[in-house]
């Protein structure tokens, strides 16, 4: 399949390009200081929402555009191709917002969806724990029902933008008498509630985009239960499948723009008076990176077709997640090898090209871990797609 097939869809793509040309705002223009960066990203999302490019396919009665889902995919592709920054509420828009639309009741959707779209409220995701990452069902955070409330105790880790979040979708065990997948529920937690503590985690890049989240006797009203009691695992699987299925299309576009940038850098930089791109080994490595991105592109379009047909992406999303992580790591490693010692010339903070590839490589190391490890994705593919024997 291809996007922007009809005249109206092509017109939308042209409209988004014109908007981006007027705004002329790229990821590299973001402030380095995290507080300023987040404030700028909030303004950027608000501007895009005002233009009709955020939540374009979400129901109009909750603040969305009410348009066909393919239009949001077209918008996302154009944003990625232009190098525009990601929206500040990436977890709310890509992860928990879709779950609220599918599993939330009318009151929850009217309360939470509009401020997700406008970036008035930032969401984070309380899934992973120190001893429950890929094996998420082994989580230990507990929510005990006490009348019309739940009392939550536990710890979450790798919470994206936790220090800036207003609300958090927390997975907690509400029933220990049933199979571990069945005794989990999802609760909406106010990040300013008594007993909530957030500790930012400094990454290898020097940034602190993730946090640890500690929940000490945090009281949550029962109306903050998403779905039914015990629906947590079902919601989590839908959430992860939706995230993987819809993220692949703009991600492969972004990786292709990075590859084009890599070729340009390799053509400009020299060692001993010879462009790096003239090296046959560099050409071969870049060609392999292109192959990985092209394979991802074809799978991304196929998954997008499934999403547009039924709105739900099944276990096939694991193959896309696997290909995304492999393509990203392959490209980042290739550029590290191609640039070689030139990557160390000057200050990586002051040189935008060196800084970009330096941070891209460091961050890419996590691509095979976050959202489910590479090994877990292969297990899912073997079990649920290929139906291979477990032993």
Protein backbone atom coordinates (compact mmCIF):
# COMPACT_ATOMS: atom_id res chain seq x y z
CA UNK A 1 0.00 0.00 0.00
CA UNK A 2 0.92 3.67 -0.31
CA UNK A 3 -0.34 6.66 1.61
CA UNK A 4 -1.70 9.83 0.01
CA UNK A 5 -3.32 7.95 -2.87
CA UNK A 6 -6.39 10.13 -3.36
CA UNK A 7 -6.48 13.78 -4.39
CA UNK A 8 -7.63 14.86 -0.93
CA UNK A 9 -4.87 12.86 0.74
CA UNK A 10 -2.23 14.36 -1.56
CA UNK A 11 -3.65 17.79 -0.80
CA UNK A 12 -3.30 17.08 2.92
CA UNK A 13 0.35 16.10 2.47
CA UNK A 14 0.97 19.35 0.56
CA UNK A 15 -0.83 21.31 3.27
CA UNK A 16 1.33 19.79 6.01
CA UNK A 17 4.51 20.49 4.03
CA UNK A 18 3.46 24.11 3.59
CA UNK A 19 2.76 24.41 7.32
CA UNK A 20 6.16 22.94 8.18
CA UNK A 21 7.87 25.24 5.69
CA UNK A 22 6.26 28.26 7.34
CA UNK A 23 7.10 27.08 10.85
CA UNK A 24 10.64 26.03 9.82
CA UNK A 25 11.17 24.26 13.15
CA UNK A 26 13.48 21.25 13.41
CA UNK A 27 14.57 18.94 16.20
CA UNK A 28 18.08 20.40 16.25
CA UNK A 29 16.67 23.82 17.11
CA UNK A 30 15.39 22.57 20.46
CA UNK A 31 17.05 24.04 23.57
CA UNK A 32 19.58 21.77 25.27
CA UNK A 33 18.30 22.48 28.79
CA UNK A 34 15.56 19.93 29.49
CA UNK A 35 13.10 22.33 31.15
CA UNK A 36 13.31 24.73 28.21
CA UNK A 37 13.12 21.86 25.74
CA UNK A 38 9.92 20.51 27.30
CA UNK A 39 8.34 23.97 27.35
CA UNK A 40 9.21 24.42 23.66
CA UNK A 41 7.83 20.98 22.77
CA UNK A 42 4.61 21.79 24.59
CA UNK A 43 4.23 24.95 22.51
CA UNK A 44 5.02 22.97 19.34
CA UNK A 45 2.34 20.38 20.05
CA UNK A 46 -0.18 23.10 20.85
CA UNK A 47 0.58 24.82 17.53
CA UNK A 48 0.22 21.55 15.60
CA UNK A 49 -3.02 20.77 17.43
CA UNK A 50 -4.40 24.18 16.52
CA UNK A 51 -3.49 23.42 12.89
CA UNK A 52 -5.37 20.11 13.05
CA UNK A 53 -2.39 17.76 12.99
CA UNK A 54 -2.68 16.21 16.46
CA UNK A 55 -5.31 13.56 17.09
CA UNK A 56 -6.63 14.10 13.59
CA UNK A 57 -8.39 10.71 13.57
CA UNK A 58 -9.59 10.86 17.18
CA UNK A 59 -13.34 11.41 17.77
CA UNK A 60 -14.43 15.02 17.33
CA UNK A 61 -16.60 14.89 20.46
CA UNK A 62 -13.42 14.52 22.54
CA UNK A 63 -11.44 17.25 20.79
CA UNK A 64 -10.05 15.22 17.89
CA UNK A 65 -10.39 15.86 14.20
CA UNK A 66 -12.80 13.03 13.45
CA UNK A 67 -10.97 12.28 10.21
CA UNK A 68 -9.99 8.89 8.69
CA UNK A 69 -6.96 7.25 10.38
CA UNK A 70 -4.95 7.34 7.15
CA UNK A 71 -4.83 11.13 7.44
CA UNK A 72 -2.99 10.96 10.77
CA UNK A 73 -0.48 8.55 9.23
CA UNK A 74 0.08 10.99 6.36
CA UNK A 75 0.62 13.83 8.83
CA UNK A 76 3.05 11.73 10.89
CA UNK A 77 5.04 10.81 7.78
CA UNK A 78 5.37 14.43 6.70
CA UNK A 79 6.44 15.53 10.19
CA UNK A 80 9.11 12.82 10.28
CA UNK A 81 10.36 13.60 6.77
CA UNK A 82 10.78 17.27 7.67
CA UNK A 83 12.77 16.49 10.81
CA UNK A 84 10.14 18.13 12.99
CA UNK A 85 10.36 17.51 16.75
CA UNK A 86 8.23 14.83 18.36
CA UNK A 87 5.26 16.04 20.35
CA UNK A 88 5.76 16.58 24.05
CA UNK A 89 2.87 14.27 24.96
CA UNK A 90 4.27 11.30 23.07
CA UNK A 91 3.11 8.80 25.71
CA UNK A 92 -0.36 10.29 25.93
CA UNK A 93 -0.81 10.42 22.16
CA UNK A 94 0.87 7.19 21.16
CA UNK A 95 0.28 4.90 24.12
CA UNK A 96 -2.32 5.79 26.74
CA UNK A 97 -4.65 8.01 24.73
CA UNK A 98 -5.59 5.18 22.34
CA UNK A 99 -6.20 2.94 25.36
CA UNK A 100 -8.49 5.54 26.91
CA UNK A 101 -10.43 5.77 23.67
CA UNK A 102 -10.84 1.99 23.50
CA UNK A 103 -11.33 1.04 27.15
CA UNK A 104 -12.27 4.26 28.95
CA UNK A 105 -15.82 5.16 29.85
CA UNK A 106 -17.56 8.27 28.56
CA UNK A 107 -16.63 10.37 31.57
CA UNK A 108 -12.96 9.37 31.39
CA UNK A 109 -12.71 10.12 27.70
CA UNK A 110 -14.31 13.54 28.09
CA UNK A 111 -12.07 14.34 31.06
CA UNK A 112 -8.70 13.14 29.76
CA UNK A 113 -8.63 13.15 25.95
CA UNK A 114 -8.87 16.93 25.21
CA UNK A 115 -5.92 17.94 27.45
CA UNK A 116 -3.83 15.08 26.00
CA UNK A 117 -4.33 16.56 22.54
CA UNK A 118 -3.68 20.17 23.53
CA UNK A 119 -0.65 19.27 25.70
CA UNK A 120 -2.26 20.86 28.74
CA UNK A 121 -1.65 17.58 30.56
CA UNK A 122 1.36 15.32 30.02
CA UNK A 123 1.05 11.58 30.57
CA UNK A 124 3.62 8.98 31.53
CA UNK A 125 3.47 5.19 31.59
CA UNK A 126 4.00 3.14 34.76
CA UNK A 127 4.59 -0.34 33.36
CA UNK A 128 8.17 -1.57 33.86
CA UNK A 129 9.63 -2.32 37.28
CA UNK A 130 13.16 -3.15 38.47
CA UNK A 131 12.32 -6.87 38.33
CA UNK A 132 9.54 -6.77 35.72
CA UNK A 133 10.61 -5.42 32.36
CA UNK A 134 10.19 -7.80 29.46
CA UNK A 135 8.46 -10.20 31.85
CA UNK A 136 5.88 -7.57 32.65
CA UNK A 137 3.38 -10.00 34.18
CA UNK A 138 5.73 -10.51 37.14
CA UNK A 139 5.16 -6.93 38.33
CA UNK A 140 4.98 -6.41 42.09
CA UNK A 141 3.21 -3.06 42.41
CA UNK A 142 -0.03 -3.68 44.26
CA UNK A 143 -3.33 -1.84 44.45
CA UNK A 144 -5.58 -2.84 47.34
CA UNK A 145 -9.22 -1.84 47.13
CA UNK A 146 -10.45 0.13 50.13
CA UNK A 147 -14.08 1.11 49.71
CA UNK A 148 -14.31 3.52 46.78
CA UNK A 149 -10.54 3.85 46.47
CA UNK A 150 -7.42 1.85 45.69
CA UNK A 151 -4.24 2.16 47.74
CA UNK A 152 -1.15 1.64 45.57
CA UNK A 153 2.32 0.63 46.74
CA UNK A 154 5.25 -0.19 44.50
CA UNK A 155 8.00 1.08 42.23
CA UNK A 156 8.16 1.74 38.50
CA UNK A 157 11.20 2.43 36.36
CA UNK A 158 12.03 3.76 32.89
CA UNK A 159 9.13 6.19 33.15
CA UNK A 160 9.44 8.52 30.17
CA UNK A 161 9.21 12.20 31.16
CA UNK A 162 7.96 11.24 34.61
CA UNK A 163 9.23 14.45 36.17
CA UNK A 164 7.04 16.49 33.81
CA UNK A 165 3.94 14.32 33.79
CA UNK A 166 0.56 15.31 35.16
CA UNK A 167 -0.93 11.81 35.07
CA UNK A 168 0.34 8.24 34.85
CA UNK A 169 -1.21 5.02 33.62
CA UNK A 170 -0.06 2.52 36.25
CA UNK A 171 -0.27 -1.26 35.98
CA UNK A 172 -0.80 -2.80 39.40
CA UNK A 173 -1.73 -6.20 40.77
CA UNK A 174 -5.25 -6.14 42.18
CA UNK A 175 -5.83 -9.89 42.60
CA UNK A 176 -3.19 -12.38 43.74
CA UNK A 177 -5.53 -15.38 43.72
CA UNK A 178 -5.62 -15.76 39.92
CA UNK A 179 -3.05 -16.33 37.18
CA UNK A 180 -0.57 -13.49 37.14
CA UNK A 181 -1.75 -12.14 33.76
CA UNK A 182 -5.34 -11.99 35.00
CA UNK A 183 -4.83 -10.20 38.30
CA UNK A 184 -3.55 -6.91 36.88
CA UNK A 185 -5.50 -3.67 36.50
CA UNK A 186 -4.68 -0.24 35.10
CA UNK A 187 -5.21 2.84 37.22
CA UNK A 188 -4.89 6.52 36.39
CA UNK A 189 -2.65 8.17 38.98
CA UNK A 190 -2.35 11.90 39.66
CA UNK A 191 1.40 12.59 39.74
CA UNK A 192 0.85 15.28 42.40
CA UNK A 193 -0.97 12.91 44.77
CA UNK A 194 0.52 12.37 48.25
CA UNK A 195 2.92 9.43 48.26
CA UNK A 196 4.09 9.87 44.66
CA UNK A 197 7.85 10.42 44.34
CA UNK A 198 9.70 10.89 41.05
CA UNK A 199 13.47 10.51 40.72
CA UNK A 200 14.96 11.44 37.32
CA UNK A 201 17.52 8.98 35.92
CA UNK A 202 20.56 10.33 34.06
CA UNK A 203 21.23 8.36 30.89
CA UNK A 204 24.51 7.62 29.15
CA UNK A 205 23.77 10.58 26.86
CA UNK A 206 23.78 12.91 29.87
CA UNK A 207 20.06 13.64 29.57
CA UNK A 208 17.39 12.62 32.08
CA UNK A 209 14.41 11.63 29.94
CA UNK A 210 13.43 8.75 32.23
CA UNK A 211 12.54 8.53 35.89
CA UNK A 212 11.96 6.11 38.69
CA UNK A 213 8.47 6.32 40.19
CA UNK A 214 7.80 5.40 43.81
CA UNK A 215 4.24 4.88 45.03
CA UNK A 216 3.83 4.87 48.81
CA UNK A 217 0.22 4.37 49.95
CA UNK A 218 -1.04 6.44 47.04
CA UNK A 219 -4.84 6.72 47.18
CA UNK A 220 -6.62 6.56 43.83
CA UNK A 221 -10.41 6.91 43.43
CA UNK A 222 -12.18 3.92 41.90
CA UNK A 223 -13.37 6.04 38.99
CA UNK A 224 -9.71 6.14 37.89
CA UNK A 225 -9.82 2.42 37.06
CA UNK A 226 -9.43 2.04 33.29
CA UNK A 227 -11.65 -0.71 31.94
CA UNK A 228 -12.79 -3.43 34.32
CA UNK A 229 -10.96 -4.89 37.30
CA UNK A 230 -8.41 -7.36 35.95
CA UNK A 231 -8.34 -5.82 32.45
CA UNK A 232 -4.82 -4.47 32.90
CA UNK A 233 -3.01 -7.11 30.86
CA UNK A 234 -5.47 -6.84 27.98
CA UNK A 235 -5.11 -3.06 27.99
CA UNK A 236 -1.31 -3.27 28.17
CA UNK A 237 -1.13 -5.63 25.19
CA UNK A 238 -3.42 -3.39 23.16
CA UNK A 239 -1.33 -0.39 24.18
CA UNK A 240 1.97 -1.97 23.14
CA UNK A 241 0.55 -3.36 19.91
CA UNK A 242 -0.91 0.01 18.95
CA UNK A 243 2.35 1.77 19.80
CA UNK A 244 4.46 -0.60 17.70
CA UNK A 245 2.02 -0.75 14.83
CA UNK A 246 1.59 3.00 14.35
CA UNK A 247 5.14 4.10 15.20
CA UNK A 248 6.85 2.11 12.44
CA UNK A 249 5.69 4.26 9.52
CA UNK A 250 7.09 7.62 10.68
CA UNK A 251 10.09 5.85 12.20
CA UNK A 252 11.21 4.35 8.92
CA UNK A 253 10.85 7.78 7.30
CA UNK A 254 13.02 9.28 10.02
CA UNK A 255 15.64 6.56 9.63
CA UNK A 256 15.75 7.15 5.87
CA UNK A 257 16.35 10.88 6.42
CA UNK A 258 19.13 9.95 8.84
CA UNK A 259 20.67 7.68 6.21
CA UNK A 260 20.58 10.48 3.62
CA UNK A 261 22.26 12.70 6.19
CA UNK A 262 24.87 10.01 6.83
CA UNK A 263 25.72 9.77 3.13
CA UNK A 264 26.03 13.56 2.93
CA UNK A 265 28.39 13.68 5.91
CA UNK A 266 30.50 10.81 4.56
CA UNK A 267 30.79 12.61 1.22
CA UNK A 268 31.99 15.85 2.86
CA UNK A 269 34.44 14.51 5.41
CA UNK A 270 37.88 13.36 4.43
CA UNK A 271 40.77 11.34 5.78
CA UNK A 272 44.13 11.84 4.07
CA UNK A 273 42.44 13.98 1.43
CA UNK A 274 39.97 11.28 0.44
CA UNK A 275 36.20 11.47 1.10
CA UNK A 276 34.99 8.84 3.54
CA UNK A 277 32.28 7.87 1.06
CA UNK A 278 34.91 6.76 -1.48
CA UNK A 279 35.84 3.85 0.77
CA UNK A 280 34.24 0.65 -0.66
CA UNK A 281 33.72 -0.70 2.85
CA UNK A 282 31.83 2.47 3.82
CA UNK A 283 29.67 2.15 0.72
CA UNK A 284 28.89 -1.48 1.53
CA UNK A 285 28.03 -0.67 5.16
CA UNK A 286 25.71 2.18 4.13
CA UNK A 287 24.06 -0.05 1.53
CA UNK A 288 23.36 -2.66 4.20
CA UNK A 289 21.83 0.02 6.41
CA UNK A 290 19.60 1.03 3.48
CA UNK A 291 18.47 -2.57 3.03
CA UNK A 292 17.47 -2.76 6.70
CA UNK A 293 15.45 0.44 6.41
CA UNK A 294 13.76 -0.73 3.20
CA UNK A 295 12.76 -4.03 4.81
CA UNK A 296 11.31 -2.05 7.72
CA UNK A 297 9.46 0.23 5.29
CA UNK A 298 7.68 -2.67 3.60
CA UNK A 299 6.68 -4.22 6.93
CA UNK A 300 5.57 -0.81 8.23
CA UNK A 301 3.23 -0.34 5.28
CA UNK A 302 1.82 -3.82 5.72
CA UNK A 303 1.18 -3.20 9.42
CA UNK A 304 -0.34 0.19 8.62
CA UNK A 305 -2.70 -1.57 6.22
CA UNK A 306 -3.82 -3.93 8.98
CA UNK A 307 -4.29 -0.99 11.34
CA UNK A 308 -6.36 0.94 8.80
CA UNK A 309 -8.47 -2.13 8.03
CA UNK A 310 -9.34 -3.08 11.59
CA UNK A 311 -7.79 -0.61 13.99
CA UNK A 312 -6.04 -3.40 15.90
CA UNK A 313 -2.52 -4.68 15.31
CA UNK A 314 -1.86 -8.21 16.54
CA UNK A 315 1.34 -10.13 17.26
CA UNK A 316 2.68 -9.06 13.86
CA UNK A 317 3.65 -5.82 15.57
CA UNK A 318 6.51 -7.75 17.18
CA UNK A 319 8.16 -8.26 13.80
CA UNK A 320 7.95 -4.51 13.16
CA UNK A 321 9.38 -3.73 16.60
CA UNK A 322 12.24 -6.14 15.92
CA UNK A 323 12.98 -4.62 12.51
CA UNK A 324 12.83 -1.08 13.91
CA UNK A 325 15.40 -1.80 16.60
CA UNK A 326 17.70 -3.64 14.18
CA UNK A 327 17.53 -0.92 11.52
CA UNK A 328 18.21 1.85 14.04
CA UNK A 329 21.15 0.08 15.64
CA UNK A 330 22.60 -0.91 12.28
CA UNK A 331 22.51 2.66 10.97
CA UNK A 332 23.98 4.14 14.16
CA UNK A 333 26.76 1.55 14.30
CA UNK A 334 27.50 2.05 10.60
CA UNK A 335 27.95 5.78 11.08
CA UNK A 336 30.22 5.22 14.05
CA UNK A 337 32.40 2.98 11.87
CA UNK A 338 32.27 5.21 8.78
CA UNK A 339 33.01 8.48 10.57
CA UNK A 340 35.70 6.83 12.63
CA UNK A 341 38.17 9.27 14.16
CA UNK A 342 36.45 12.29 12.56
CA UNK A 343 33.66 11.79 15.10
CA UNK A 344 36.15 12.75 17.80
CA UNK A 345 37.23 15.98 16.11
CA UNK A 346 36.22 18.99 18.15
CA UNK A 347 33.66 19.18 20.93
CA UNK A 348 30.64 16.89 20.30
CA UNK A 349 28.47 19.42 22.13
CA UNK A 350 29.53 22.28 19.86
CA UNK A 351 29.61 20.35 16.58
CA UNK A 352 25.96 19.62 15.64
CA UNK A 353 26.87 16.77 13.28
CA UNK A 354 29.19 15.05 15.71
CA UNK A 355 26.75 15.56 18.56
CA UNK A 356 23.89 14.11 16.52
CA UNK A 357 25.67 10.88 15.62
CA UNK A 358 27.27 10.58 19.04
CA UNK A 359 23.89 10.73 20.80
CA UNK A 360 22.14 8.68 18.12
CA UNK A 361 24.60 5.85 18.64
CA UNK A 362 24.36 5.95 22.43
CA UNK A 363 20.56 6.09 22.41
CA UNK A 364 20.30 3.33 19.81
CA UNK A 365 21.79 0.85 22.28
CA UNK A 366 18.43 0.88 24.07
CA UNK A 367 16.39 0.19 20.91
CA UNK A 368 16.67 -3.57 21.37
CA UNK A 369 15.45 -3.32 24.98
CA UNK A 370 12.71 -0.70 25.41
CA UNK A 371 9.16 -1.72 24.57
CA UNK A 372 10.10 -5.40 24.89
CA UNK A 373 13.53 -6.89 24.25
CA UNK A 374 14.63 -8.35 20.95
CA UNK A 375 14.53 -11.84 22.47
CA UNK A 376 10.95 -11.35 23.68
CA UNK A 377 9.85 -10.20 20.22
CA UNK A 378 11.40 -13.32 18.68
CA UNK A 379 9.62 -15.50 21.22
CA UNK A 380 6.29 -13.87 20.32
CA UNK A 381 6.95 -14.33 16.60
CA UNK A 382 7.87 -17.99 17.11
CA UNK A 383 4.89 -18.74 19.34
CA UNK A 384 2.02 -16.60 18.05
CA UNK A 385 2.87 -16.18 14.37
CA UNK A 386 4.88 -19.26 13.38
CA UNK A 387 3.28 -21.60 15.97
CA UNK A 388 6.63 -23.24 16.66
CA UNK A 389 6.87 -25.76 19.52
CA UNK A 390 7.93 -24.30 22.84
CA UNK A 391 10.62 -26.95 23.29
